[in-house]
PDB file of N, CA and C in Angstrom:
ATOM      1  N   UNK A   1     114.271 133.043  89.977  1.00  0.00           N
ATOM      2  CA  UNK A   1     113.453 133.733  88.550  1.00  0.00           C
ATOM      3  C   UNK A   1     112.737 133.110  88.162  1.00  0.00           C
ATOM      4  N   UNK A   2     111.776 134.023  86.912  1.00  0.00           N
ATOM      5  CA  UNK A   2     111.100 132.795  87.005  1.00  0.00           C
ATOM      6  C   UNK A   2     111.291 133.578  85.300  1.00  0.00           C
ATOM      7  N   UNK A   3     109.895 133.312  84.182  1.00  0.00           N
ATOM      8  CA  UNK A   3     110.023 133.773  82.899  1.00  0.00           C
ATOM      9  C   UNK A   3     108.787 133.949  82.572  1.00  0.00           C
ATOM     10  N   UNK A   4     108.352 134.124  80.896  1.00  0.00           N
ATOM     11  CA  UNK A   4     107.231 135.059  80.843  1.00  0.00           C
ATOM     12  C   UNK A   4     106.315 134.515  80.950  1.00  0.00           C
ATOM     13  N   UNK A   5     105.826 132.828  80.448  1.00  0.00           N
ATOM     14  CA  UNK A   5     105.017 131.794  80.785  1.00  0.00           C
ATOM     15  C   UNK A   5     104.902 131.528  79.687  1.00  0.00           C
ATOM     16  N   UNK A   6     103.954 130.427  79.272  1.00  0.00           N
ATOM     17  CA  UNK A   6     103.151 129.773  78.274  1.00  0.00           C
ATOM     18  C   UNK A   6     102.236 129.074  78.258  1.00  0.00           C
ATOM     19  N   UNK A   7     101.670 129.200  76.821  1.00  0.00           N
ATOM     20  CA  UNK A   7     100.077 128.018  76.788  1.00  0.00           C
ATOM     21  C   UNK A   7     100.486 127.093  76.184  1.00  0.00           C
ATOM     22  N   UNK A   8      99.518 126.189  77.597  1.00  0.00           N
ATOM     23  CA  UNK A   8     100.421 124.741  77.411  1.00  0.00           C
ATOM     24  C   UNK A   8      99.259 123.732  77.437  1.00  0.00           C
ATOM     25  N   UNK A   9      98.147 122.972  75.943  1.00  0.00           N
ATOM     26  CA  UNK A   9      96.628 122.481  76.089  1.00  0.00           C
ATOM     27  C   UNK A   9      96.067 124.281  76.740  1.00  0.00           C
ATOM     28  N   UNK A  10      95.445 123.411  77.614  1.00  0.00           N
ATOM     29  CA  UNK A  10      94.309 124.249  78.599  1.00  0.00           C
ATOM     30  C   UNK A  10      94.993 125.390  79.712  1.00  0.00           C
ATOM     31  N   UNK A  11      96.295 125.476  80.232  1.00  0.00           N
ATOM     32  CA  UNK A  11      97.207 125.986  80.995  1.00  0.00           C
ATOM     33  C   UNK A  11      98.346 126.361  80.775  1.00  0.00           C
ATOM     34  N   UNK A  12      98.471 127.980  81.398  1.00  0.00           N
ATOM     35  CA  UNK A  12      98.857 128.451  80.883  1.00  0.00           C
ATOM     36  C   UNK A  12     100.375 128.557  81.790  1.00  0.00           C
ATOM     37  N   UNK A  13     101.311 128.208  81.695  1.00  0.00           N
ATOM     38  CA  UNK A  13     102.571 127.337  82.546  1.00  0.00           C
ATOM     39  C   UNK A  13     103.435 128.740  83.201  1.00  0.00           C
ATOM     40  N   UNK A  14     103.801 128.678  83.673  1.00  0.00           N
ATOM     41  CA  UNK A  14     105.135 130.037  84.742  1.00  0.00           C
ATOM     42  C   UNK A  14     106.631 129.392  84.758  1.00  0.00           C
ATOM     43  N   UNK A  15     107.534 129.382  85.046  1.00  0.00           N
ATOM     44  CA  UNK A  15     108.454 128.114  85.486  1.00  0.00           C
ATOM     45  C   UNK A  15     109.225 129.140  86.316  1.00  0.00           C
ATOM     46  N   UNK A  16     109.053 128.686  87.083  1.00  0.00           N
ATOM     47  CA  UNK A  16     110.328 128.958  88.862  1.00  0.00           C
ATOM     48  C   UNK A  16     111.035 128.444  88.756  1.00  0.00           C
ATOM     49  N   UNK A  17     112.980 129.014  88.979  1.00  0.00           N
ATOM     50  CA  UNK A  17     113.766 128.453  89.397  1.00  0.00           C
ATOM     51  C   UNK A  17     114.450 129.066  90.502  1.00  0.00           C
ATOM     52  N   UNK A  18     115.994 128.907  90.845  1.00  0.00           N
ATOM     53  CA  UNK A  18     116.429 129.418  91.426  1.00  0.00           C
ATOM     54  C   UNK A  18     116.801 129.551  93.246  1.00  0.00           C
ATOM     55  N   UNK A  19     115.811 128.469  93.096  1.00  0.00           N
ATOM     56  CA  UNK A  19     116.132 128.915  95.091  1.00  0.00           C
ATOM     57  C   UNK A  19     115.844 127.110  95.679  1.00  0.00           C
ATOM     58  N   UNK A  20     115.127 127.015  96.928  1.00  0.00           N
ATOM     59  CA  UNK A  20     114.625 125.500  97.674  1.00  0.00           C
ATOM     60  C   UNK A  20     113.828 125.964  97.010  1.00  0.00           C
ATOM     61  N   UNK A  21     113.377 124.345  97.363  1.00  0.00           N
ATOM     62  CA  UNK A  21     111.886 123.738  96.659  1.00  0.00           C
ATOM     63  C   UNK A  21     110.634 124.900  97.665  1.00  0.00           C
ATOM     64  N   UNK A  22     111.075 124.674  99.039  1.00  0.00           N
ATOM     65  CA  UNK A  22     110.260 124.613  99.691  1.00  0.00           C
ATOM     66  C   UNK A  22     109.904 126.333  99.662  1.00  0.00           C
ATOM     67  N   UNK A  23     110.561 126.636  98.969  1.00  0.00           N
ATOM     68  CA  UNK A  23     110.512 128.927  99.264  1.00  0.00           C
ATOM     69  C   UNK A  23     109.620 129.264  97.530  1.00  0.00           C
ATOM     70  N   UNK A  24     109.787 128.181  96.475  1.00  0.00           N
ATOM     71  CA  UNK A  24     109.532 128.419  95.950  1.00  0.00           C
ATOM     72  C   UNK A  24     107.933 128.168  95.692  1.00  0.00           C
ATOM     73  N   UNK A  25     107.621 126.842  96.102  1.00  0.00           N
ATOM     74  CA  UNK A  25     106.500 126.910  96.290  1.00  0.00           C
ATOM     75  C   UNK A  25     105.311 128.186  96.953  1.00  0.00           C
ATOM     76  N   UNK A  26     105.891 128.383  98.163  1.00  0.00           N
ATOM     77  CA  UNK A  26     106.100 129.548  98.577  1.00  0.00           C
ATOM     78  C   UNK A  26     105.833 130.724  97.892  1.00  0.00           C
ATOM     79  N   UNK A  27     106.075 130.957  97.484  1.00  0.00           N
ATOM     80  CA  UNK A  27     106.175 132.409  96.483  1.00  0.00           C
ATOM     81  C   UNK A  27     104.802 131.341  95.448  1.00  0.00           C
ATOM     82  N   UNK A  28     104.484 130.417  94.123  1.00  0.00           N
ATOM     83  CA  UNK A  28     103.742 130.318  94.002  1.00  0.00           C
ATOM     84  C   UNK A  28     102.378 130.624  95.018  1.00  0.00           C
ATOM     85  N   UNK A  29     102.436 129.506  95.738  1.00  0.00           N
ATOM     86  CA  UNK A  29     101.448 129.823  96.996  1.00  0.00           C
ATOM     87  C   UNK A  29     100.407 131.023  96.926  1.00  0.00           C
ATOM     88  N   UNK A  30     101.778 131.886  97.495  1.00  0.00           N
ATOM     89  CA  UNK A  30     101.803 133.374  97.677  1.00  0.00           C
ATOM     90  C   UNK A  30     100.679 133.992  96.379  1.00  0.00           C
ATOM     91  N   UNK A  31     101.355 133.523  94.864  1.00  0.00           N
ATOM     92  CA  UNK A  31     100.833 134.348  93.793  1.00  0.00           C
ATOM     93  C   UNK A  31      99.410 133.985  93.105  1.00  0.00           C
ATOM     94  N   UNK A  32      98.637 132.521  93.668  1.00  0.00           N
ATOM     95  CA  UNK A  32      96.925 131.855  93.900  1.00  0.00           C
ATOM     96  C   UNK A  32      96.526 133.417  94.266  1.00  0.00           C
ATOM     97  N   UNK A  33      96.716 133.999  95.476  1.00  0.00           N
ATOM     98  CA  UNK A  33      95.685 134.884  96.181  1.00  0.00           C
ATOM     99  C   UNK A  33      96.271 136.287  95.170  1.00  0.00           C
ATOM    100  N   UNK A  34      97.209 136.428  94.319  1.00  0.00           N
ATOM    101  CA  UNK A  34      96.541 137.850  93.682  1.00  0.00           C
ATOM    102  C   UNK A  34      95.033 137.645  93.057  1.00  0.00           C
ATOM    103  N   UNK A  35      94.497 138.696  93.099  1.00  0.00           N
ATOM    104  CA  UNK A  35      93.595 139.225  92.406  1.00  0.00           C
ATOM    105  C   UNK A  35      93.532 138.556  90.743  1.00  0.00           C
ATOM    106  N   UNK A  36      92.875 137.917  90.338  1.00  0.00           N
ATOM    107  CA  UNK A  36      92.233 137.586  89.023  1.00  0.00           C
ATOM    108  C   UNK A  36      92.915 136.985  88.598  1.00  0.00           C
ATOM    109  N   UNK A  37      93.709 135.743  89.502  1.00  0.00           N
ATOM    110  CA  UNK A  37      94.153 134.244  89.486  1.00  0.00           C
ATOM    111  C   UNK A  37      92.838 133.303  89.600  1.00  0.00           C
ATOM    112  N   UNK A  38      92.299 132.843  88.288  1.00  0.00           N
ATOM    113  CA  UNK A  38      91.750 131.739  88.300  1.00  0.00           C
ATOM    114  C   UNK A  38      91.704 130.636  89.101  1.00  0.00           C
ATOM    115  N   UNK A  39      91.042 129.739  90.246  1.00  0.00           N
ATOM    116  CA  UNK A  39      90.952 128.752  90.716  1.00  0.00           C
ATOM    117  C   UNK A  39      91.295 127.480  90.211  1.00  0.00           C
ATOM    118  N   UNK A  40      92.346 125.908  91.084  1.00  0.00           N
ATOM    119  CA  UNK A  40      92.670 125.729  90.535  1.00  0.00           C
ATOM    120  C   UNK A  40      93.807 125.577  90.188  1.00  0.00           C
ATOM    121  N   UNK A  41      94.432 126.858  90.214  1.00  0.00           N
ATOM    122  CA  UNK A  41      95.765 126.803  90.332  1.00  0.00           C
ATOM    123  C   UNK A  41      96.832 125.143  91.050  1.00  0.00           C
ATOM    124  N   UNK A  42      97.676 124.599  90.318  1.00  0.00           N
ATOM    125  CA  UNK A  42      98.453 123.720  90.716  1.00  0.00           C
ATOM    126  C   UNK A  42     100.740 123.743  90.347  1.00  0.00           C
ATOM    127  N   UNK A  43     101.228 123.302  90.972  1.00  0.00           N
ATOM    128  CA  UNK A  43     102.418 123.239  90.936  1.00  0.00           C
ATOM    129  C   UNK A  43     103.128 122.107  90.687  1.00  0.00           C
ATOM    130  N   UNK A  44     103.789 121.974  89.511  1.00  0.00           N
ATOM    131  CA  UNK A  44     104.789 121.042  89.189  1.00  0.00           C
ATOM    132  C   UNK A  44     106.112 121.015  89.795  1.00  0.00           C
ATOM    133  N   UNK A  45     106.467 120.132  91.175  1.00  0.00           N
ATOM    134  CA  UNK A  45     107.962 120.292  91.411  1.00  0.00           C
ATOM    135  C   UNK A  45     108.447 119.128  90.133  1.00  0.00           C
ATOM    136  N   UNK A  46     110.034 119.977  89.069  1.00  0.00           N
ATOM    137  CA  UNK A  46     110.506 118.968  88.444  1.00  0.00           C
ATOM    138  C   UNK A  46     111.550 119.570  87.954  1.00  0.00           C
ATOM    139  N   UNK A  47     112.522 119.753  87.510  1.00  0.00           N
ATOM    140  CA  UNK A  47     114.135 119.572  87.109  1.00  0.00           C
ATOM    141  C   UNK A  47     114.668 120.285  85.274  1.00  0.00           C
ATOM    142  N   UNK A  48     114.956 120.942  85.339  1.00  0.00           N
ATOM    143  CA  UNK A  48     115.444 120.960  83.719  1.00  0.00           C
ATOM    144  C   UNK A  48     115.618 120.189  82.723  1.00  0.00           C
ATOM    145  N   UNK A  49     115.385 118.975  83.381  1.00  0.00           N
ATOM    146  CA  UNK A  49     116.024 117.744  82.741  1.00  0.00           C
ATOM    147  C   UNK A  49     114.460 116.491  82.307  1.00  0.00           C
ATOM    148  N   UNK A  50     113.726 117.444  82.948  1.00  0.00           N
ATOM    149  CA  UNK A  50     112.589 116.326  82.155  1.00  0.00           C
ATOM    150  C   UNK A  50     112.312 116.266  81.065  1.00  0.00           C
ATOM    151  N   UNK A  51     111.704 115.440  80.322  1.00  0.00           N
ATOM    152  CA  UNK A  51     111.581 115.304  78.664  1.00  0.00           C
ATOM    153  C   UNK A  51     109.889 116.494  78.526  1.00  0.00           C
ATOM    154  N   UNK A  52     109.824 116.937  78.678  1.00  0.00           N
ATOM    155  CA  UNK A  52     108.390 117.036  78.673  1.00  0.00           C
ATOM    156  C   UNK A  52     107.191 118.403  80.122  1.00  0.00           C
ATOM    157  N   UNK A  53     107.249 119.278  79.313  1.00  0.00           N
ATOM    158  CA  UNK A  53     106.174 119.718  80.662  1.00  0.00           C
ATOM    159  C   UNK A  53     105.275 118.669  81.484  1.00  0.00           C
ATOM    160  N   UNK A  54     104.497 119.101  82.323  1.00  0.00           N
ATOM    161  CA  UNK A  54     103.446 118.128  83.133  1.00  0.00           C
ATOM    162  C   UNK A  54     104.154 117.284  83.975  1.00  0.00           C
ATOM    163  N   UNK A  55     105.362 116.661  83.110  1.00  0.00           N
ATOM    164  CA  UNK A  55     106.323 115.813  83.972  1.00  0.00           C
ATOM    165  C   UNK A  55     106.744 115.796  85.767  1.00  0.00           C
ATOM    166  N   UNK A  56     107.106 115.469  86.569  1.00  0.00           N
ATOM    167  CA  UNK A  56     106.936 115.532  88.340  1.00  0.00           C
ATOM    168  C   UNK A  56     105.675 115.043  89.113  1.00  0.00           C
ATOM    169  N   UNK A  57     105.842 115.911  90.773  1.00  0.00           N
ATOM    170  CA  UNK A  57     105.181 116.008  91.495  1.00  0.00           C
ATOM    171  C   UNK A  57     104.490 117.091  91.337  1.00  0.00           C
ATOM    172  N   UNK A  58     102.625 116.407  91.776  1.00  0.00           N
ATOM    173  CA  UNK A  58     101.849 118.306  91.295  1.00  0.00           C
ATOM    174  C   UNK A  58     101.178 118.757  92.448  1.00  0.00           C
ATOM    175  N   UNK A  59     101.213 119.178  93.230  1.00  0.00           N
ATOM    176  CA  UNK A  59     101.359 120.341  94.019  1.00  0.00           C
ATOM    177  C   UNK A  59      99.838 121.214  93.673  1.00  0.00           C
ATOM    178  N   UNK A  60      99.439 120.620  94.617  1.00  0.00           N
ATOM    179  CA  UNK A  60      97.830 121.646  94.930  1.00  0.00           C
ATOM    180  C   UNK A  60      97.993 122.744  95.643  1.00  0.00           C
ATOM    181  N   UNK A  61      98.068 123.653  94.982  1.00  0.00           N
ATOM    182  CA  UNK A  61      97.822 125.105  95.535  1.00  0.00           C
ATOM    183  C   UNK A  61      96.562 125.980  95.952  1.00  0.00           C
ATOM    184  N   UNK A  62      96.396 127.453  96.851  1.00  0.00           N
ATOM    185  CA  UNK A  62      97.676 127.509  97.453  1.00  0.00           C
ATOM    186  C   UNK A  62      98.006 126.703  99.073  1.00  0.00           C
ATOM    187  N   UNK A  63      99.059 126.300  99.182  1.00  0.00           N
ATOM    188  CA  UNK A  63      99.082 125.304 100.618  1.00  0.00           C
ATOM    189  C   UNK A  63      98.473 125.783 101.820  1.00  0.00           C
TER     190      UNK A  63
END
């Protein structure tokens, strides 16, 4: 599943969920190759209980 995304500071954030971490990171990595996506894309591996956006493990993309 994904959501509409939102601006957070100088970043634009999309949330994806509903699959294993490896699968979600693979999808996020493929998205970085879509024309028009800027460089510097990364994923934050977290859970829905995180107190705020940006908490978790940062994964540089594409993998």
